[in-house]
C-alpha atoms as a PDB file:
ATOM      1  CA  UNK A   1     -78.552 140.179 138.572  1.00  0.00           C
ATOM      2  CA  UNK A   2     -78.689 137.176 140.896  1.00  0.00           C
ATOM      3  CA  UNK A   3     -75.025 136.437 140.191  1.00  0.00           C
ATOM      4  CA  UNK A   4     -74.257 139.812 141.810  1.00  0.00           C
ATOM      5  CA  UNK A   5     -76.525 139.041 144.758  1.00  0.00           C
ATOM      6  CA  UNK A   6     -79.420 141.225 143.618  1.00  0.00           C
ATOM      7  CA  UNK A   7     -82.887 139.762 143.126  1.00  0.00           C
ATOM      8  CA  UNK A   8     -85.609 141.473 141.102  1.00  0.00           C
ATOM      9  CA  UNK A   9     -89.257 141.322 142.044  1.00  0.00           C
ATOM     10  CA  UNK A  10     -91.765 139.761 139.646  1.00  0.00           C
ATOM     11  CA  UNK A  11     -92.215 143.029 137.747  1.00  0.00           C
ATOM     12  CA  UNK A  12     -88.467 143.635 137.439  1.00  0.00           C
ATOM     13  CA  UNK A  13     -88.801 147.153 138.823  1.00  0.00           C
ATOM     14  CA  UNK A  14     -87.683 146.628 142.415  1.00  0.00           C
ATOM     15  CA  UNK A  15     -84.520 144.946 143.673  1.00  0.00           C
ATOM     16  CA  UNK A  16     -83.419 143.320 146.918  1.00  0.00           C
ATOM     17  CA  UNK A  17     -81.006 144.660 147.969  1.00  0.00           C
ATOM     18  CA  UNK A  18     -81.540 147.898 146.083  1.00  0.00           C
ATOM     19  CA  UNK A  19     -77.920 147.998 144.831  1.00  0.00           C
ATOM     20  CA  UNK A  20     -75.219 145.438 144.085  1.00  0.00           C
ATOM     21  CA  UNK A  21     -72.400 145.378 146.616  1.00  0.00           C
ATOM     22  CA  UNK A  22     -68.749 145.651 145.645  1.00  0.00           C
ATOM     23  CA  UNK A  23     -68.410 141.922 146.415  1.00  0.00           C
ATOM     24  CA  UNK A  24     -71.448 141.152 144.242  1.00  0.00           C
ATOM     25  CA  UNK A  25     -70.026 143.139 141.341  1.00  0.00           C
ATOM     26  CA  UNK A  26     -66.698 141.333 141.701  1.00  0.00           C
ATOM     27  CA  UNK A  27     -68.525 137.977 141.742  1.00  0.00           C
ATOM     28  CA  UNK A  28     -70.304 138.958 138.502  1.00  0.00           C
ATOM     29  CA  UNK A  29     -66.936 139.793 136.912  1.00  0.00           C
ATOM     30  CA  UNK A  30     -65.396 136.510 138.108  1.00  0.00           C
ATOM     31  CA  UNK A  31     -68.342 134.407 136.961  1.00  0.00           C
ATOM     32  CA  UNK A  32     -68.501 136.117 133.568  1.00  0.00           C
ATOM     33  CA  UNK A  33     -64.770 135.498 133.098  1.00  0.00           C
ATOM     34  CA  UNK A  34     -65.228 131.793 133.870  1.00  0.00           C
ATOM     35  CA  UNK A  35     -68.239 131.522 131.545  1.00  0.00           C
ATOM     36  CA  UNK A  36     -66.332 133.304 128.784  1.00  0.00           C
ATOM     37  CA  UNK A  37     -63.318 131.001 129.185  1.00  0.00           C
ATOM     38  CA  UNK A  38     -65.432 127.878 128.870  1.00  0.00           C
ATOM     39  CA  UNK A  39     -68.071 128.908 126.375  1.00  0.00           C
ATOM     40  CA  UNK A  40     -66.190 131.326 124.114  1.00  0.00           C
ATOM     41  CA  UNK A  41     -62.438 131.072 124.590  1.00  0.00           C
ATOM     42  CA  UNK A  42     -62.541 127.254 124.487  1.00  0.00           C
ATOM     43  CA  UNK A  43     -64.201 127.142 121.041  1.00  0.00           C
ATOM     44  CA  UNK A  44     -61.912 129.964 119.870  1.00  0.00           C
ATOM     45  CA  UNK A  45     -58.793 128.003 120.861  1.00  0.00           C
ATOM     46  CA  UNK A  46     -60.182 124.887 119.177  1.00  0.00           C
ATOM     47  CA  UNK A  47     -60.816 126.828 115.964  1.00  0.00           C
ATOM     48  CA  UNK A  48     -57.391 128.485 115.936  1.00  0.00           C
ATOM     49  CA  UNK A  49     -55.787 125.101 116.561  1.00  0.00           C
ATOM     50  CA  UNK A  50     -57.737 122.978 114.114  1.00  0.00           C
ATOM     51  CA  UNK A  51     -58.632 125.208 111.153  1.00  0.00           C
ATOM     52  CA  UNK A  52     -55.075 125.230 109.750  1.00  0.00           C
ATOM     53  CA  UNK A  53     -54.585 121.535 110.525  1.00  0.00           C
ATOM     54  CA  UNK A  54     -57.884 120.442 108.973  1.00  0.00           C
ATOM     55  CA  UNK A  55     -57.420 122.668 105.936  1.00  0.00           C
ATOM     56  CA  UNK A  56     -54.068 121.093 105.092  1.00  0.00           C
ATOM     57  CA  UNK A  57     -54.671 117.489 106.154  1.00  0.00           C
ATOM     58  CA  UNK A  58     -58.310 116.542 105.552  1.00  0.00           C
ATOM     59  CA  UNK A  59     -60.011 115.891 102.223  1.00  0.00           C
ATOM     60  CA  UNK A  60     -63.314 116.891 103.877  1.00  0.00           C
ATOM     61  CA  UNK A  61     -62.590 119.224 106.791  1.00  0.00           C
ATOM     62  CA  UNK A  62     -65.401 119.875 109.221  1.00  0.00           C
ATOM     63  CA  UNK A  63     -65.875 121.369 112.674  1.00  0.00           C
ATOM     64  CA  UNK A  64     -68.766 120.792 115.061  1.00  0.00           C
ATOM     65  CA  UNK A  65     -69.816 123.268 117.742  1.00  0.00           C
ATOM     66  CA  UNK A  66     -71.986 121.778 120.476  1.00  0.00           C
ATOM     67  CA  UNK A  67     -73.756 124.789 121.896  1.00  0.00           C
ATOM     68  CA  UNK A  68     -77.189 125.324 123.402  1.00  0.00           C
ATOM     69  CA  UNK A  69     -80.616 126.467 122.354  1.00  0.00           C
ATOM     70  CA  UNK A  70     -79.941 129.222 124.895  1.00  0.00           C
ATOM     71  CA  UNK A  71     -77.574 130.744 122.327  1.00  0.00           C
ATOM     72  CA  UNK A  72     -80.529 131.731 120.129  1.00  0.00           C
ATOM     73  CA  UNK A  73     -83.454 131.815 122.595  1.00  0.00           C
ATOM     74  CA  UNK A  74     -82.254 133.611 125.734  1.00  0.00           C
ATOM     75  CA  UNK A  75     -83.381 131.731 128.833  1.00  0.00           C
ATOM     76  CA  UNK A  76     -84.456 133.862 131.793  1.00  0.00           C
ATOM     77  CA  UNK A  77     -81.958 133.831 134.693  1.00  0.00           C
ATOM     78  CA  UNK A  78     -79.247 132.338 132.445  1.00  0.00           C
ATOM     79  CA  UNK A  79     -77.931 135.597 130.982  1.00  0.00           C
ATOM     80  CA  UNK A  80     -74.206 134.869 131.258  1.00  0.00           C
ATOM     81  CA  UNK A  81     -74.570 131.322 129.983  1.00  0.00           C
ATOM     82  CA  UNK A  82     -76.739 132.312 127.018  1.00  0.00           C
ATOM     83  CA  UNK A  83     -74.650 135.309 126.013  1.00  0.00           C
ATOM     84  CA  UNK A  84     -71.374 133.378 126.018  1.00  0.00           C
ATOM     85  CA  UNK A  85     -72.975 130.511 124.074  1.00  0.00           C
ATOM     86  CA  UNK A  86     -74.314 133.060 121.573  1.00  0.00           C
ATOM     87  CA  UNK A  87     -70.851 134.589 121.223  1.00  0.00           C
ATOM     88  CA  UNK A  88     -69.268 131.249 120.308  1.00  0.00           C
ATOM     89  CA  UNK A  89     -72.080 130.494 117.861  1.00  0.00           C
ATOM     90  CA  UNK A  90     -71.512 133.836 116.116  1.00  0.00           C
ATOM     91  CA  UNK A  91     -67.762 133.210 116.148  1.00  0.00           C
ATOM     92  CA  UNK A  92     -68.248 129.913 114.303  1.00  0.00           C
ATOM     93  CA  UNK A  93     -70.754 131.474 111.887  1.00  0.00           C
ATOM     94  CA  UNK A  94     -68.196 134.154 111.024  1.00  0.00           C
ATOM     95  CA  UNK A  95     -65.429 131.564 110.703  1.00  0.00           C
ATOM     96  CA  UNK A  96     -67.597 129.564 108.304  1.00  0.00           C
ATOM     97  CA  UNK A  97     -67.719 132.601 106.014  1.00  0.00           C
ATOM     98  CA  UNK A  98     -63.967 133.180 106.310  1.00  0.00           C
ATOM     99  CA  UNK A  99     -63.146 129.495 105.715  1.00  0.00           C
ATOM    100  CA  UNK A 100     -65.637 128.196 103.144  1.00  0.00           C
ATOM    101  CA  UNK A 101     -63.594 125.028 102.517  1.00  0.00           C
ATOM    102  CA  UNK A 102     -64.501 123.800 106.013  1.00  0.00           C
ATOM    103  CA  UNK A 103     -67.971 122.525 106.830  1.00  0.00           C
ATOM    104  CA  UNK A 104     -69.095 124.133 110.092  1.00  0.00           C
ATOM    105  CA  UNK A 105     -71.997 122.520 111.934  1.00  0.00           C
ATOM    106  CA  UNK A 106     -73.671 123.604 115.159  1.00  0.00           C
ATOM    107  CA  UNK A 107     -75.864 121.515 117.440  1.00  0.00           C
ATOM    108  CA  UNK A 108     -78.163 123.473 119.753  1.00  0.00           C
ATOM    109  CA  UNK A 109     -79.918 121.098 122.157  1.00  0.00           C
ATOM    110  CA  UNK A 110     -82.426 122.399 124.665  1.00  0.00           C
ATOM    111  CA  UNK A 111     -82.307 121.509 128.357  1.00  0.00           C
ATOM    112  CA  UNK A 112     -80.678 118.145 128.895  1.00  0.00           C
ATOM    113  CA  UNK A 113     -81.791 115.926 131.754  1.00  0.00           C
ATOM    114  CA  UNK A 114     -79.241 115.891 134.548  1.00  0.00           C
ATOM    115  CA  UNK A 115     -77.502 117.988 137.134  1.00  0.00           C
ATOM    116  CA  UNK A 116     -75.494 120.163 134.740  1.00  0.00           C
ATOM    117  CA  UNK A 117     -77.083 123.304 136.196  1.00  0.00           C
ATOM    118  CA  UNK A 118     -75.664 122.505 139.633  1.00  0.00           C
ATOM    119  CA  UNK A 119     -72.120 122.900 138.292  1.00  0.00           C
ATOM    120  CA  UNK A 120     -72.801 125.983 136.159  1.00  0.00           C
ATOM    121  CA  UNK A 121     -70.476 128.916 136.766  1.00  0.00           C
ATOM    122  CA  UNK A 122     -73.480 131.222 137.005  1.00  0.00           C
ATOM    123  CA  UNK A 123     -75.100 128.916 139.524  1.00  0.00           C
ATOM    124  CA  UNK A 124     -77.807 130.094 141.787  1.00  0.00           C
ATOM    125  CA  UNK A 125     -81.237 128.856 142.578  1.00  0.00           C
ATOM    126  CA  UNK A 126     -82.623 126.524 139.922  1.00  0.00           C
ATOM    127  CA  UNK A 127     -85.704 128.306 138.646  1.00  0.00           C
ATOM    128  CA  UNK A 128     -86.682 126.009 135.826  1.00  0.00           C
ATOM    129  CA  UNK A 129     -88.430 122.655 136.165  1.00  0.00           C
ATOM    130  CA  UNK A 130     -86.294 120.004 137.838  1.00  0.00           C
ATOM    131  CA  UNK A 131     -83.711 119.191 135.135  1.00  0.00           C
ATOM    132  CA  UNK A 132     -83.246 115.733 136.636  1.00  0.00           C
ATOM    133  CA  UNK A 133     -86.809 114.936 135.576  1.00  0.00           C
ATOM    134  CA  UNK A 134     -87.384 117.236 132.591  1.00  0.00           C
ATOM    135  CA  UNK A 135     -85.420 117.913 129.448  1.00  0.00           C
ATOM    136  CA  UNK A 136     -83.887 115.859 126.684  1.00  0.00           C
ATOM    137  CA  UNK A 137     -82.646 112.436 127.722  1.00  0.00           C
ATOM    138  CA  UNK A 138     -78.831 112.199 127.899  1.00  0.00           C
ATOM    139  CA  UNK A 139     -78.718 109.107 125.692  1.00  0.00           C
ATOM    140  CA  UNK A 140     -80.826 110.805 123.003  1.00  0.00           C
ATOM    141  CA  UNK A 141     -78.500 113.831 122.932  1.00  0.00           C
ATOM    142  CA  UNK A 142     -75.414 111.592 122.807  1.00  0.00           C
ATOM    143  CA  UNK A 143     -76.700 109.835 119.675  1.00  0.00           C
END
C-alpha cells in the first residue's frame, strides 16, 4: 500500500489517506511493471535464450536462479519484490519439469548487508533493521 501512498495503521484496519489517489495507483502500476521486468521478465528472457543453447551445446547443462528468501517467506512491506521473486522461482521450477535434461538450481539468500534496499523499485521507508549493519555479509553470499 505504501507504494501507492497509503499507510496502514498498526492493526491494518485504518489507512492514511483513506483512499489511494489516481497518482498513487499509477505509481503502483509503474513500480510493479519495473519489478516485474527485473525480477520475472529478466529470468524469463535468460531461460528462453539459454535453454536451447545449453541443451544442444553442453554435456551437463545447468541454470542458476539467484532469487531471495522473500520468494518463499513473504517479507512485510516488500509485497511487490517478494511476489515477483516468487513468480520467477515458480517459472524456473516449472521449466525444470519441462526440461529434465537441464539441472536447475535456485539460491535464496536472506537479507544481504548493504544499501540494496535504497535502490529498490518499490522503495519507501526502510522498516527493517539497518541493512548496512544487519544481514548476510556480501563476501559470504558471493562465495
